[in-house]
Structure formats: C-alpha cells, structure tokens
Amino acid sequence: MAKPEKTRCGGTKTEAWYWGFIRSGLRRKFMCYPVNYQARNLARRKYEGPNERQRWEYQCSECRGWYMQKETQLDHVEPCGTLKCYEDLPGFVARLFCEANNLRVLCKSCHNKITHHS
C-alpha cells in the first residue's frame, strides 16, 4: 500500500492531517460558543450531594442519569458530518455552530455508544 502523498505545509503533511487540523480548530472554538452553555443549562439542576465544591449536575438525555459536568459531553443531534475538502466547509460549520435545540447533553458512556456505534 502506498503512503499518502504529503501535499500540505511545504510537503510535510498529508491532506488528512490538514483537514483534521482544521476540524480540530473549529471544534475548539465550538467549546466556547455561547449556545454550548445554553444547551448545558437546559440539562442541569442544583447539586444537593456531599461534594461541597460541586454546584450543578447534568442529566444525560439518553440514560437519564445525573452526572458532574466533567462526566458529560455535548452531542449534535444532527451530526456535523465530514470535513475532507473545501466544499465540505460551509455545511460542517453550519451544523457545528447550531442552535441549542440541535444539542443534547450525554454522559461519556452514552456519547461513546451513540457516536461510535450508530
């Protein structure tokens, strides 16, 4: 099997690396997108347990369990899709930076099942 041609960054990186780099950068910006917080706030309640440092807990929309924020992830109801060429950019960005009604809070276990097995 032939190695992929390195056509990016002065011949040091592949097309796959390049588009992964762009996708990763866009996803990092999504993390501070205001709608991210709106979607999380819709799934939270005041924490009443023994951990004095924890203020909120978040409900997984799949299993309905309650979790600390670090145990949850946001999931796009409509997947963002692929990003492998310039033609994919507009649709990927529109789906990534969506409104709160296209996002749901999932525990890491449910997110893994849905994302990697559907």
PDB file of N, CA and C in Angstrom:
ATOM      1  N   MET A   1       0.850  -1.175   0.000  1.00  0.00           N
ATOM      2  CA  MET A   1       0.000   0.000   0.000  1.00  0.00           C
ATOM      3  C   MET A   1       0.898   1.241   0.000  1.00  0.00           C
ATOM      4  N   ALA A   2       0.619   2.167  -0.873  1.00  0.00           N
ATOM      5  CA  ALA A   2       1.427   3.375  -0.996  1.00  0.00           C
ATOM      6  C   ALA A   2       1.110   4.356   0.128  1.00  0.00           C
ATOM      7  N   LYS A   3       2.124   5.069   0.587  1.00  0.00           N
ATOM      8  CA  LYS A   3       1.923   6.100   1.610  1.00  0.00           C
ATOM      9  C   LYS A   3       1.189   7.282   0.989  1.00  0.00           C
ATOM     10  N   PRO A   4       0.320   7.938   1.774  1.00  0.00           N
ATOM     11  CA  PRO A   4      -0.368   9.125   1.248  1.00  0.00           C
ATOM     12  C   PRO A   4       0.640  10.219   0.902  1.00  0.00           C
ATOM     13  N   GLU A   5       0.339  10.917  -0.164  1.00  0.00           N
ATOM     14  CA  GLU A   5       1.219  11.993  -0.615  1.00  0.00           C
ATOM     15  C   GLU A   5       1.141  13.180   0.352  1.00  0.00           C
ATOM     16  N   LYS A   6       2.284  13.743   0.667  1.00  0.00           N
ATOM     17  CA  LYS A   6       2.355  14.904   1.560  1.00  0.00           C
ATOM     18  C   LYS A   6       2.322  16.168   0.717  1.00  0.00           C
ATOM     19  N   THR A   7       1.133  16.766   0.645  1.00  0.00           N
ATOM     20  CA  THR A   7       0.915  17.913  -0.236  1.00  0.00           C
ATOM     21  C   THR A   7       0.737  19.223   0.526  1.00  0.00           C
ATOM     22  N   ARG A   8       0.731  19.169   1.845  1.00  0.00           N
ATOM     23  CA  ARG A   8       0.473  20.362   2.658  1.00  0.00           C
ATOM     24  C   ARG A   8       1.695  20.733   3.485  1.00  0.00           C
ATOM     25  N   CYS A   9       1.719  21.987   3.918  1.00  0.00           N
ATOM     26  CA  CYS A   9       2.776  22.503   4.811  1.00  0.00           C
ATOM     27  C   CYS A   9       4.167  22.245   4.230  1.00  0.00           C
ATOM     28  N   GLY A  10       4.357  22.663   3.005  1.00  0.00           N
ATOM     29  CA  GLY A  10       5.665  22.512   2.371  1.00  0.00           C
ATOM     30  C   GLY A  10       6.066  21.064   2.155  1.00  0.00           C
ATOM     31  N   GLY A  11       5.097  20.203   1.899  1.00  0.00           N
ATOM     32  CA  GLY A  11       5.371  18.800   1.641  1.00  0.00           C
ATOM     33  C   GLY A  11       5.640  17.969   2.891  1.00  0.00           C
ATOM     34  N   THR A  12       5.234  18.475   4.060  1.00  0.00           N
ATOM     35  CA  THR A  12       5.486  17.735   5.308  1.00  0.00           C
ATOM     36  C   THR A  12       4.239  17.082   5.881  1.00  0.00           C
ATOM     37  N   LYS A  13       3.056  17.436   5.387  1.00  0.00           N
ATOM     38  CA  LYS A  13       1.804  16.918   5.938  1.00  0.00           C
ATOM     39  C   LYS A  13       0.877  16.440   4.826  1.00  0.00           C
ATOM     40  N   THR A  14       0.020  15.465   5.182  1.00  0.00           N
ATOM     41  CA  THR A  14      -0.949  14.912   4.224  1.00  0.00           C
ATOM     42  C   THR A  14      -2.241  15.733   4.220  1.00  0.00           C
ATOM     43  N   GLU A  15      -3.084  15.458   3.241  1.00  0.00           N
ATOM     44  CA  GLU A  15      -4.413  16.084   3.177  1.00  0.00           C
ATOM     45  C   GLU A  15      -5.231  15.720   4.419  1.00  0.00           C
ATOM     46  N   ALA A  16      -5.152  14.464   4.829  1.00  0.00           N
ATOM     47  CA  ALA A  16      -5.905  14.022   6.013  1.00  0.00           C
ATOM     48  C   ALA A  16      -5.460  14.809   7.251  1.00  0.00           C
ATOM     49  N   TRP A  17      -4.168  15.012   7.411  1.00  0.00           N
ATOM     50  CA  TRP A  17      -3.668  15.789   8.549  1.00  0.00           C
ATOM     51  C   TRP A  17      -4.218  17.211   8.482  1.00  0.00           C
ATOM     52  N   TYR A  18      -4.152  17.804   7.307  1.00  0.00           N
ATOM     53  CA  TYR A  18      -4.592  19.187   7.111  1.00  0.00           C
ATOM     54  C   TYR A  18      -6.060  19.361   7.513  1.00  0.00           C
ATOM     55  N   TRP A  19      -6.939  18.485   7.003  1.00  0.00           N
ATOM     56  CA  TRP A  19      -8.363  18.628   7.306  1.00  0.00           C
ATOM     57  C   TRP A  19      -8.659  18.272   8.755  1.00  0.00           C
ATOM     58  N   GLY A  20      -7.895  17.361   9.337  1.00  0.00           N
ATOM     59  CA  GLY A  20      -8.037  17.077  10.765  1.00  0.00           C
ATOM     60  C   GLY A  20      -7.654  18.280  11.608  1.00  0.00           C
ATOM     61  N   PHE A  21      -6.626  18.990  11.190  1.00  0.00           N
ATOM     62  CA  PHE A  21      -6.167  20.203  11.869  1.00  0.00           C
ATOM     63  C   PHE A  21      -7.247  21.285  11.829  1.00  0.00           C
ATOM     64  N   ILE A  22      -7.853  21.485  10.663  1.00  0.00           N
ATOM     65  CA  ILE A  22      -8.930  22.476  10.507  1.00  0.00           C
ATOM     66  C   ILE A  22     -10.140  22.073  11.356  1.00  0.00           C
ATOM     67  N   ARG A  23     -10.537  20.800  11.274  1.00  0.00           N
ATOM     68  CA  ARG A  23     -11.687  20.299  12.042  1.00  0.00           C
ATOM     69  C   ARG A  23     -11.446  20.470  13.543  1.00  0.00           C
ATOM     70  N   SER A  24     -10.260  20.141  14.001  1.00  0.00           N
ATOM     71  CA  SER A  24      -9.918  20.266  15.419  1.00  0.00           C
ATOM     72  C   SER A  24      -9.993  21.717  15.883  1.00  0.00           C
ATOM     73  N   GLY A  25      -9.505  22.640  15.076  1.00  0.00           N
ATOM     74  CA  GLY A  25      -9.556  24.061  15.416  1.00  0.00           C
ATOM     75  C   GLY A  25     -10.986  24.569  15.520  1.00  0.00           C
ATOM     76  N   LEU A  26     -11.836  24.145  14.602  1.00  0.00           N
ATOM     77  CA  LEU A  26     -13.241  24.555  14.646  1.00  0.00           C
ATOM     78  C   LEU A  26     -13.934  23.983  15.880  1.00  0.00           C
ATOM     79  N   ARG A  27     -13.642  22.744  16.218  1.00  0.00           N
ATOM     80  CA  ARG A  27     -14.251  22.126  17.406  1.00  0.00           C
ATOM     81  C   ARG A  27     -13.788  22.816  18.690  1.00  0.00           C
ATOM     82  N   ARG A  28     -12.545  23.257  18.739  1.00  0.00           N
ATOM     83  CA  ARG A  28     -12.055  24.006  19.911  1.00  0.00           C
ATOM     84  C   ARG A  28     -12.817  25.321  20.060  1.00  0.00           C
ATOM     85  N   LYS A  29     -13.095  26.006  18.959  1.00  0.00           N
ATOM     86  CA  LYS A  29     -13.868  27.251  19.024  1.00  0.00           C
ATOM     87  C   LYS A  29     -15.303  26.967  19.457  1.00  0.00           C
ATOM     88  N   PHE A  30     -15.859  25.828  19.059  1.00  0.00           N
ATOM     89  CA  PHE A  30     -17.208  25.471  19.470  1.00  0.00           C
ATOM     90  C   PHE A  30     -17.296  25.358  20.993  1.00  0.00           C
ATOM     91  N   MET A  31     -16.235  24.947  21.645  1.00  0.00           N
ATOM     92  CA  MET A  31     -16.253  24.760  23.097  1.00  0.00           C
ATOM     93  C   MET A  31     -16.599  26.057  23.841  1.00  0.00           C
ATOM     94  N   CYS A  32     -16.301  27.212  23.274  1.00  0.00           N
ATOM     95  CA  CYS A  32     -16.642  28.477  23.940  1.00  0.00           C
ATOM     96  C   CYS A  32     -17.781  29.219  23.221  1.00  0.00           C
ATOM     97  N   TYR A  33     -18.481  28.538  22.353  1.00  0.00           N
ATOM     98  CA  TYR A  33     -19.643  29.090  21.653  1.00  0.00           C
ATOM     99  C   TYR A  33     -20.797  29.217  22.658  1.00  0.00           C
ATOM    100  N   PRO A  34     -21.453  30.370  22.771  1.00  0.00           N
ATOM    101  CA  PRO A  34     -22.484  30.584  23.794  1.00  0.00           C
ATOM    102  C   PRO A  34     -23.600  29.545  23.810  1.00  0.00           C
ATOM    103  N   VAL A  35     -23.971  29.006  22.682  1.00  0.00           N
ATOM    104  CA  VAL A  35     -25.044  28.013  22.626  1.00  0.00           C
ATOM    105  C   VAL A  35     -24.651  26.747  23.395  1.00  0.00           C
ATOM    106  N   ASN A  36     -23.373  26.470  23.447  1.00  0.00           N
ATOM    107  CA  ASN A  36     -22.855  25.345  24.231  1.00  0.00           C
ATOM    108  C   ASN A  36     -23.353  25.460  25.669  1.00  0.00           C
ATOM    109  N   TYR A  37     -23.219  26.628  26.256  1.00  0.00           N
ATOM    110  CA  TYR A  37     -23.639  26.864  27.639  1.00  0.00           C
ATOM    111  C   TYR A  37     -25.162  26.822  27.776  1.00  0.00           C
ATOM    112  N   GLN A  38     -25.867  27.342  26.775  1.00  0.00           N
ATOM    113  CA  GLN A  38     -27.329  27.298  26.805  1.00  0.00           C
ATOM    114  C   GLN A  38     -27.827  25.855  26.856  1.00  0.00           C
ATOM    115  N   ALA A  39     -27.257  24.993  26.035  1.00  0.00           N
ATOM    116  CA  ALA A  39     -27.675  23.590  25.997  1.00  0.00           C
ATOM    117  C   ALA A  39     -27.371  22.897  27.319  1.00  0.00           C
ATOM    118  N   ARG A  40     -26.209  23.172  27.895  1.00  0.00           N
ATOM    119  CA  ARG A  40     -25.864  22.573  29.189  1.00  0.00           C
ATOM    120  C   ARG A  40     -26.803  23.075  30.290  1.00  0.00           C
ATOM    121  N   ASN A  41     -27.125  24.367  30.279  1.00  0.00           N
ATOM    122  CA  ASN A  41     -28.004  24.927  31.306  1.00  0.00           C
ATOM    123  C   ASN A  41     -29.403  24.310  31.276  1.00  0.00           C
ATOM    124  N   LEU A  42     -29.855  23.914  30.103  1.00  0.00           N
ATOM    125  CA  LEU A  42     -31.168  23.283  29.984  1.00  0.00           C
ATOM    126  C   LEU A  42     -31.203  21.894  30.626  1.00  0.00           C
ATOM    127  N   ALA A  43     -30.034  21.285  30.802  1.00  0.00           N
ATOM    128  CA  ALA A  43     -29.965  19.914  31.333  1.00  0.00           C
ATOM    129  C   ALA A  43     -29.413  19.873  32.753  1.00  0.00           C
ATOM    130  N   ARG A  44     -29.375  21.000  33.443  1.00  0.00           N
ATOM    131  CA  ARG A  44     -28.748  20.998  34.765  1.00  0.00           C
ATOM    132  C   ARG A  44     -29.752  21.244  35.883  1.00  0.00           C
ATOM    133  N   ARG A  45     -29.325  20.840  37.076  1.00  0.00           N
ATOM    134  CA  ARG A  45     -30.069  21.141  38.298  1.00  0.00           C
ATOM    135  C   ARG A  45     -29.052  21.368  39.405  1.00  0.00           C
ATOM    136  N   LYS A  46     -29.488  21.985  40.462  1.00  0.00           N
ATOM    137  CA  LYS A  46     -28.611  22.249  41.598  1.00  0.00           C
ATOM    138  C   LYS A  46     -28.218  20.924  42.242  1.00  0.00           C
ATOM    139  N   TYR A  47     -26.932  20.788  42.520  1.00  0.00           N
ATOM    140  CA  TYR A  47     -26.411  19.577  43.154  1.00  0.00           C
ATOM    141  C   TYR A  47     -26.674  19.639  44.648  1.00  0.00           C
ATOM    142  N   GLU A  48     -27.173  18.565  45.219  1.00  0.00           N
ATOM    143  CA  GLU A  48     -27.533  18.522  46.638  1.00  0.00           C
ATOM    144  C   GLU A  48     -26.722  17.474  47.408  1.00  0.00           C
ATOM    145  N   GLY A  49     -25.669  16.932  46.811  1.00  0.00           N
ATOM    146  CA  GLY A  49     -24.912  15.850  47.441  1.00  0.00           C
ATOM    147  C   GLY A  49     -23.805  16.318  48.370  1.00  0.00           C
ATOM    148  N   PRO A  50     -22.932  15.404  48.778  1.00  0.00           N
ATOM    149  CA  PRO A  50     -21.906  15.685  49.781  1.00  0.00           C
ATOM    150  C   PRO A  50     -20.716  16.509  49.279  1.00  0.00           C
ATOM    151  N   ASN A  51     -20.488  16.590  47.977  1.00  0.00           N
ATOM    152  CA  ASN A  51     -19.347  17.335  47.445  1.00  0.00           C
ATOM    153  C   ASN A  51     -19.647  18.835  47.517  1.00  0.00           C
ATOM    154  N   GLU A  52     -19.025  19.524  48.448  1.00  0.00           N
ATOM    155  CA  GLU A  52     -19.306  20.957  48.660  1.00  0.00           C
ATOM    156  C   GLU A  52     -18.835  21.839  47.512  1.00  0.00           C
ATOM    157  N   ARG A  53     -17.920  21.339  46.701  1.00  0.00           N
ATOM    158  CA  ARG A  53     -17.382  22.138  45.599  1.00  0.00           C
ATOM    159  C   ARG A  53     -18.232  22.047  44.333  1.00  0.00           C
ATOM    160  N   GLN A  54     -19.093  21.058  44.260  1.00  0.00           N
ATOM    161  CA  GLN A  54     -19.935  20.880  43.077  1.00  0.00           C
ATOM    162  C   GLN A  54     -21.223  21.665  43.228  1.00  0.00           C
ATOM    163  N   ARG A  55     -21.515  22.524  42.240  1.00  0.00           N
ATOM    164  CA  ARG A  55     -22.737  23.341  42.298  1.00  0.00           C
ATOM    165  C   ARG A  55     -23.876  22.763  41.471  1.00  0.00           C
ATOM    166  N   TRP A  56     -23.546  22.119  40.333  1.00  0.00           N
ATOM    167  CA  TRP A  56     -24.566  21.645  39.400  1.00  0.00           C
ATOM    168  C   TRP A  56     -24.317  20.190  39.040  1.00  0.00           C
ATOM    169  N   GLU A  57     -25.385  19.544  38.580  1.00  0.00           N
ATOM    170  CA  GLU A  57     -25.259  18.230  37.964  1.00  0.00           C
ATOM    171  C   GLU A  57     -26.106  18.251  36.699  1.00  0.00           C
ATOM    172  N   TYR A  58     -25.735  17.385  35.754  1.00  0.00           N
ATOM    173  CA  TYR A  58     -26.311  17.435  34.411  1.00  0.00           C
ATOM    174  C   TYR A  58     -26.934  16.090  34.059  1.00  0.00           C
ATOM    175  N   GLN A  59     -28.117  16.147  33.455  1.00  0.00           N
ATOM    176  CA  GLN A  59     -28.823  14.918  33.115  1.00  0.00           C
ATOM    177  C   GLN A  59     -28.487  14.475  31.700  1.00  0.00           C
ATOM    178  N   CYS A  60     -28.113  13.214  31.584  1.00  0.00           N
ATOM    179  CA  CYS A  60     -27.874  12.605  30.273  1.00  0.00           C
ATOM    180  C   CYS A  60     -29.215  12.421  29.586  1.00  0.00           C
ATOM    181  N   SER A  61     -29.338  12.890  28.369  1.00  0.00           N
ATOM    182  CA  SER A  61     -30.624  12.795  27.667  1.00  0.00           C
ATOM    183  C   SER A  61     -30.910  11.379  27.178  1.00  0.00           C
ATOM    184  N   GLU A  62     -29.939  10.488  27.264  1.00  0.00           N
ATOM    185  CA  GLU A  62     -30.137   9.105  26.823  1.00  0.00           C
ATOM    186  C   GLU A  62     -30.508   8.187  27.992  1.00  0.00           C
ATOM    187  N   CYS A  63     -29.615   8.055  28.986  1.00  0.00           N
ATOM    188  CA  CYS A  63     -29.865   7.131  30.109  1.00  0.00           C
ATOM    189  C   CYS A  63     -30.618   7.800  31.260  1.00  0.00           C
ATOM    190  N   ARG A  64     -30.736   9.133  31.219  1.00  0.00           N
ATOM    191  CA  ARG A  64     -31.451   9.947  32.205  1.00  0.00           C
ATOM    192  C   ARG A  64     -30.747  10.022  33.563  1.00  0.00           C
ATOM    193  N   GLY A  65     -29.504   9.543  33.654  1.00  0.00           N
ATOM    194  CA  GLY A  65     -28.739   9.651  34.889  1.00  0.00           C
ATOM    195  C   GLY A  65     -28.221  11.067  35.088  1.00  0.00           C
ATOM    196  N   TRP A  66     -27.783  11.364  36.317  1.00  0.00           N
ATOM    197  CA  TRP A  66     -27.254  12.690  36.653  1.00  0.00           C
ATOM    198  C   TRP A  66     -25.756  12.588  36.880  1.00  0.00           C
ATOM    199  N   TYR A  67     -24.988  13.551  36.302  1.00  0.00           N
ATOM    200  CA  TYR A  67     -23.526  13.484  36.294  1.00  0.00           C
ATOM    201  C   TYR A  67     -22.906  14.853  36.553  1.00  0.00           C
ATOM    202  N   MET A  68     -21.664  14.821  37.005  1.00  0.00           N
ATOM    203  CA  MET A  68     -20.871  16.044  37.094  1.00  0.00           C
ATOM    204  C   MET A  68     -20.585  16.504  35.669  1.00  0.00           C
ATOM    205  N   GLN A  69     -20.345  17.794  35.484  1.00  0.00           N
ATOM    206  CA  GLN A  69     -20.119  18.311  34.135  1.00  0.00           C
ATOM    207  C   GLN A  69     -18.965  17.602  33.437  1.00  0.00           C
ATOM    208  N   LYS A  70     -17.884  17.318  34.164  1.00  0.00           N
ATOM    209  CA  LYS A  70     -16.722  16.691  33.522  1.00  0.00           C
ATOM    210  C   LYS A  70     -17.011  15.258  33.068  1.00  0.00           C
ATOM    211  N   GLU A  71     -18.124  14.695  33.496  1.00  0.00           N
ATOM    212  CA  GLU A  71     -18.522  13.351  33.083  1.00  0.00           C
ATOM    213  C   GLU A  71     -19.499  13.377  31.913  1.00  0.00           C
ATOM    214  N   THR A  72     -19.769  14.579  31.368  1.00  0.00           N
ATOM    215  CA  THR A  72     -20.720  14.719  30.265  1.00  0.00           C
ATOM    216  C   THR A  72     -20.048  15.342  29.046  1.00  0.00           C
ATOM    217  N   GLN A  73     -20.713  15.168  27.911  1.00  0.00           N
ATOM    218  CA  GLN A  73     -20.263  15.765  26.659  1.00  0.00           C
ATOM    219  C   GLN A  73     -21.491  16.242  25.893  1.00  0.00           C
ATOM    220  N   LEU A  74     -21.284  17.239  25.065  1.00  0.00           N
ATOM    221  CA  LEU A  74     -22.375  17.701  24.193  1.00  0.00           C
ATOM    222  C   LEU A  74     -22.353  16.883  22.907  1.00  0.00           C
ATOM    223  N   ASP A  75     -23.530  16.536  22.450  1.00  0.00           N
ATOM    224  CA  ASP A  75     -23.673  15.765  21.223  1.00  0.00           C
ATOM    225  C   ASP A  75     -24.575  16.531  20.269  1.00  0.00           C
ATOM    226  N   HIS A  76     -24.193  16.554  19.006  1.00  0.00           N
ATOM    227  CA  HIS A  76     -25.036  17.159  17.979  1.00  0.00           C
ATOM    228  C   HIS A  76     -26.091  16.144  17.562  1.00  0.00           C
ATOM    229  N   VAL A  77     -27.360  16.507  17.652  1.00  0.00           N
ATOM    230  CA  VAL A  77     -28.439  15.628  17.220  1.00  0.00           C
ATOM    231  C   VAL A  77     -28.269  15.355  15.723  1.00  0.00           C
ATOM    232  N   GLU A  78     -28.059  16.402  14.948  1.00  0.00           N
ATOM    233  CA  GLU A  78     -27.707  16.247  13.530  1.00  0.00           C
ATOM    234  C   GLU A  78     -26.190  16.277  13.462  1.00  0.00           C
ATOM    235  N   PRO A  79     -25.554  15.149  13.120  1.00  0.00           N
ATOM    236  CA  PRO A  79     -24.085  15.112  13.104  1.00  0.00           C
ATOM    237  C   PRO A  79     -23.489  16.188  12.200  1.00  0.00           C
ATOM    238  N   CYS A  80     -22.301  16.636  12.565  1.00  0.00           N
ATOM    239  CA  CYS A  80     -21.617  17.683  11.794  1.00  0.00           C
ATOM    240  C   CYS A  80     -21.179  17.186  10.425  1.00  0.00           C
ATOM    241  N   GLY A  81     -20.945  15.903  10.296  1.00  0.00           N
ATOM    242  CA  GLY A  81     -20.543  15.340   9.012  1.00  0.00           C
ATOM    243  C   GLY A  81     -19.042  15.361   8.822  1.00  0.00           C
ATOM    244  N   THR A  82     -18.634  15.137   7.600  1.00  0.00           N
ATOM    245  CA  THR A  82     -17.211  15.065   7.290  1.00  0.00           C
ATOM    246  C   THR A  82     -16.678  16.428   6.880  1.00  0.00           C
ATOM    247  N   LEU A  83     -15.380  16.527   6.979  1.00  0.00           N
ATOM    248  CA  LEU A  83     -14.678  17.736   6.537  1.00  0.00           C
ATOM    249  C   LEU A  83     -13.392  17.268   5.875  1.00  0.00           C
ATOM    250  N   LYS A  84     -13.492  17.036   4.568  1.00  0.00           N
ATOM    251  CA  LYS A  84     -12.357  16.481   3.827  1.00  0.00           C
ATOM    252  C   LYS A  84     -11.931  17.342   2.640  1.00  0.00           C
ATOM    253  N   CYS A  85     -12.688  18.424   2.395  1.00  0.00           N
ATOM    254  CA  CYS A  85     -12.346  19.313   1.290  1.00  0.00           C
ATOM    255  C   CYS A  85     -13.023  20.660   1.524  1.00  0.00           C
ATOM    256  N   TYR A  86     -12.660  21.649   0.733  1.00  0.00           N
ATOM    257  CA  TYR A  86     -13.213  22.990   0.902  1.00  0.00           C
ATOM    258  C   TYR A  86     -14.721  23.022   0.703  1.00  0.00           C
ATOM    259  N   GLU A  87     -15.259  22.169  -0.152  1.00  0.00           N
ATOM    260  CA  GLU A  87     -16.702  22.146  -0.398  1.00  0.00           C
ATOM    261  C   GLU A  87     -17.484  21.700   0.839  1.00  0.00           C
ATOM    262  N   ASP A  88     -16.836  20.942   1.735  1.00  0.00           N
ATOM    263  CA  ASP A  88     -17.497  20.475   2.959  1.00  0.00           C
ATOM    264  C   ASP A  88     -17.597  21.561   4.033  1.00  0.00           C
ATOM    265  N   LEU A  89     -16.785  22.609   3.936  1.00  0.00           N
ATOM    266  CA  LEU A  89     -16.704  23.616   5.000  1.00  0.00           C
ATOM    267  C   LEU A  89     -18.022  24.297   5.356  1.00  0.00           C
ATOM    268  N   PRO A  90     -18.773  24.833   4.401  1.00  0.00           N
ATOM    269  CA  PRO A  90     -19.994  25.562   4.793  1.00  0.00           C
ATOM    270  C   PRO A  90     -20.986  24.706   5.577  1.00  0.00           C
ATOM    271  N   GLY A  91     -21.250  23.489   5.110  1.00  0.00           N
ATOM    272  CA  GLY A  91     -22.192  22.619   5.802  1.00  0.00           C
ATOM    273  C   GLY A  91     -21.683  22.181   7.166  1.00  0.00           C
ATOM    274  N   PHE A  92     -20.395  21.839   7.239  1.00  0.00           N
ATOM    275  CA  PHE A  92     -19.806  21.419   8.513  1.00  0.00           C
ATOM    276  C   PHE A  92     -19.900  22.534   9.548  1.00  0.00           C
ATOM    277  N   VAL A  93     -19.543  23.749   9.156  1.00  0.00           N
ATOM    278  CA  VAL A  93     -19.577  24.893  10.078  1.00  0.00           C
ATOM    279  C   VAL A  93     -21.018  25.201  10.496  1.00  0.00           C
ATOM    280  N   ALA A  94     -21.950  25.166   9.558  1.00  0.00           N
ATOM    281  CA  ALA A  94     -23.358  25.446   9.883  1.00  0.00           C
ATOM    282  C   ALA A  94     -23.898  24.420  10.875  1.00  0.00           C
ATOM    283  N   ARG A  95     -23.547  23.145  10.690  1.00  0.00           N
ATOM    284  CA  ARG A  95     -24.032  22.108  11.609  1.00  0.00           C
ATOM    285  C   ARG A  95     -23.302  22.151  12.946  1.00  0.00           C
ATOM    286  N   LEU A  96     -22.021  22.502  12.959  1.00  0.00           N
ATOM    287  CA  LEU A  96     -21.255  22.572  14.200  1.00  0.00           C
ATOM    288  C   LEU A  96     -21.749  23.720  15.080  1.00  0.00           C
ATOM    289  N   PHE A  97     -21.891  24.901  14.501  1.00  0.00           N
ATOM    290  CA  PHE A  97     -22.323  26.089  15.243  1.00  0.00           C
ATOM    291  C   PHE A  97     -23.834  26.255  15.110  1.00  0.00           C
ATOM    292  N   CYS A  98     -24.560  25.290  15.645  1.00  0.00           N
ATOM    293  CA  CYS A  98     -26.016  25.232  15.534  1.00  0.00           C
ATOM    294  C   CYS A  98     -26.673  25.889  16.752  1.00  0.00           C
ATOM    295  N   GLU A  99     -27.972  25.801  16.826  1.00  0.00           N
ATOM    296  CA  GLU A  99     -28.722  26.301  17.976  1.00  0.00           C
ATOM    297  C   GLU A  99     -28.841  25.208  19.036  1.00  0.00           C
ATOM    298  N   ALA A 100     -29.236  25.599  20.240  1.00  0.00           N
ATOM    299  CA  ALA A 100     -29.289  24.674  21.379  1.00  0.00           C
ATOM    300  C   ALA A 100     -30.236  23.499  21.143  1.00  0.00           C
ATOM    301  N   ASN A 101     -31.262  23.671  20.331  1.00  0.00           N
ATOM    302  CA  ASN A 101     -32.202  22.567  20.098  1.00  0.00           C
ATOM    303  C   ASN A 101     -31.602  21.434  19.268  1.00  0.00           C
ATOM    304  N   ASN A 102     -30.409  21.626  18.717  1.00  0.00           N
ATOM    305  CA  ASN A 102     -29.708  20.569  17.985  1.00  0.00           C
ATOM    306  C   ASN A 102     -28.594  19.955  18.834  1.00  0.00           C
ATOM    307  N   LEU A 103     -28.543  20.303  20.121  1.00  0.00           N
ATOM    308  CA  LEU A 103     -27.526  19.770  21.019  1.00  0.00           C
ATOM    309  C   LEU A 103     -28.190  19.041  22.175  1.00  0.00           C
ATOM    310  N   ARG A 104     -27.520  18.018  22.662  1.00  0.00           N
ATOM    311  CA  ARG A 104     -28.004  17.314  23.847  1.00  0.00           C
ATOM    312  C   ARG A 104     -26.812  16.941  24.711  1.00  0.00           C
ATOM    313  N   VAL A 105     -27.046  16.905  26.008  1.00  0.00           N
ATOM    314  CA  VAL A 105     -26.021  16.507  26.962  1.00  0.00           C
ATOM    315  C   VAL A 105     -26.100  14.992  27.123  1.00  0.00           C
ATOM    316  N   LEU A 106     -24.951  14.339  26.996  1.00  0.00           N
ATOM    317  CA  LEU A 106     -24.859  12.899  27.184  1.00  0.00           C
ATOM    318  C   LEU A 106     -23.741  12.587  28.159  1.00  0.00           C
ATOM    319  N   CYS A 107     -23.917  11.528  28.955  1.00  0.00           N
ATOM    320  CA  CYS A 107     -22.789  11.053  29.754  1.00  0.00           C
ATOM    321  C   CYS A 107     -21.765  10.476  28.768  1.00  0.00           C
ATOM    322  N   LYS A 108     -20.526  10.366  29.198  1.00  0.00           N
ATOM    323  CA  LYS A 108     -19.474   9.903  28.291  1.00  0.00           C
ATOM    324  C   LYS A 108     -19.759   8.509  27.751  1.00  0.00           C
ATOM    325  N   SER A 109     -20.342   7.649  28.583  1.00  0.00           N
ATOM    326  CA  SER A 109     -20.643   6.285  28.150  1.00  0.00           C
ATOM    327  C   SER A 109     -21.684   6.282  27.026  1.00  0.00           C
ATOM    328  N   CYS A 110     -22.764   7.010  27.214  1.00  0.00           N
ATOM    329  CA  CYS A 110     -23.809   7.080  26.178  1.00  0.00           C
ATOM    330  C   CYS A 110     -23.281   7.771  24.917  1.00  0.00           C
ATOM    331  N   HIS A 111     -22.494   8.824  25.084  1.00  0.00           N
ATOM    332  CA  HIS A 111     -21.934   9.525  23.930  1.00  0.00           C
ATOM    333  C   HIS A 111     -21.062   8.586  23.111  1.00  0.00           C
ATOM    334  N   ASN A 112     -20.257   7.787  23.788  1.00  0.00           N
ATOM    335  CA  ASN A 112     -19.392   6.838  23.095  1.00  0.00           C
ATOM    336  C   ASN A 112     -20.223   5.812  22.338  1.00  0.00           C
ATOM    337  N   LYS A 113     -21.268   5.278  22.950  1.00  0.00           N
ATOM    338  CA  LYS A 113     -22.132   4.290  22.288  1.00  0.00           C
ATOM    339  C   LYS A 113     -22.797   4.882  21.050  1.00  0.00           C
ATOM    340  N   ILE A 114     -23.351   6.076  21.195  1.00  0.00           N
ATOM    341  CA  ILE A 114     -24.081   6.704  20.088  1.00  0.00           C
ATOM    342  C   ILE A 114     -23.144   7.120  18.964  1.00  0.00           C
ATOM    343  N   THR A 115     -22.013   7.716  19.305  1.00  0.00           N
ATOM    344  CA  THR A 115     -21.094   8.239  18.286  1.00  0.00           C
ATOM    345  C   THR A 115     -20.367   7.149  17.540  1.00  0.00           C
ATOM    346  N   HIS A 116     -19.933   6.121  18.236  1.00  0.00           N
ATOM    347  CA  HIS A 116     -19.074   5.113  17.613  1.00  0.00           C
ATOM    348  C   HIS A 116     -19.790   3.833  17.200  1.00  0.00           C
ATOM    349  N   HIS A 117     -21.080   3.729  17.504  1.00  0.00           N
ATOM    350  CA  HIS A 117     -21.783   2.500  17.168  1.00  0.00           C
ATOM    351  C   HIS A 117     -23.094   2.746  16.435  1.00  0.00           C
ATOM    352  N   SER A 118     -23.267   3.936  15.885  1.00  0.00           N
ATOM    353  CA  SER A 118     -24.522   4.176  15.170  1.00  0.00           C
ATOM    354  C   SER A 118     -24.261   4.370  13.703  1.00  0.00           C
TER     355      SER A 118
END
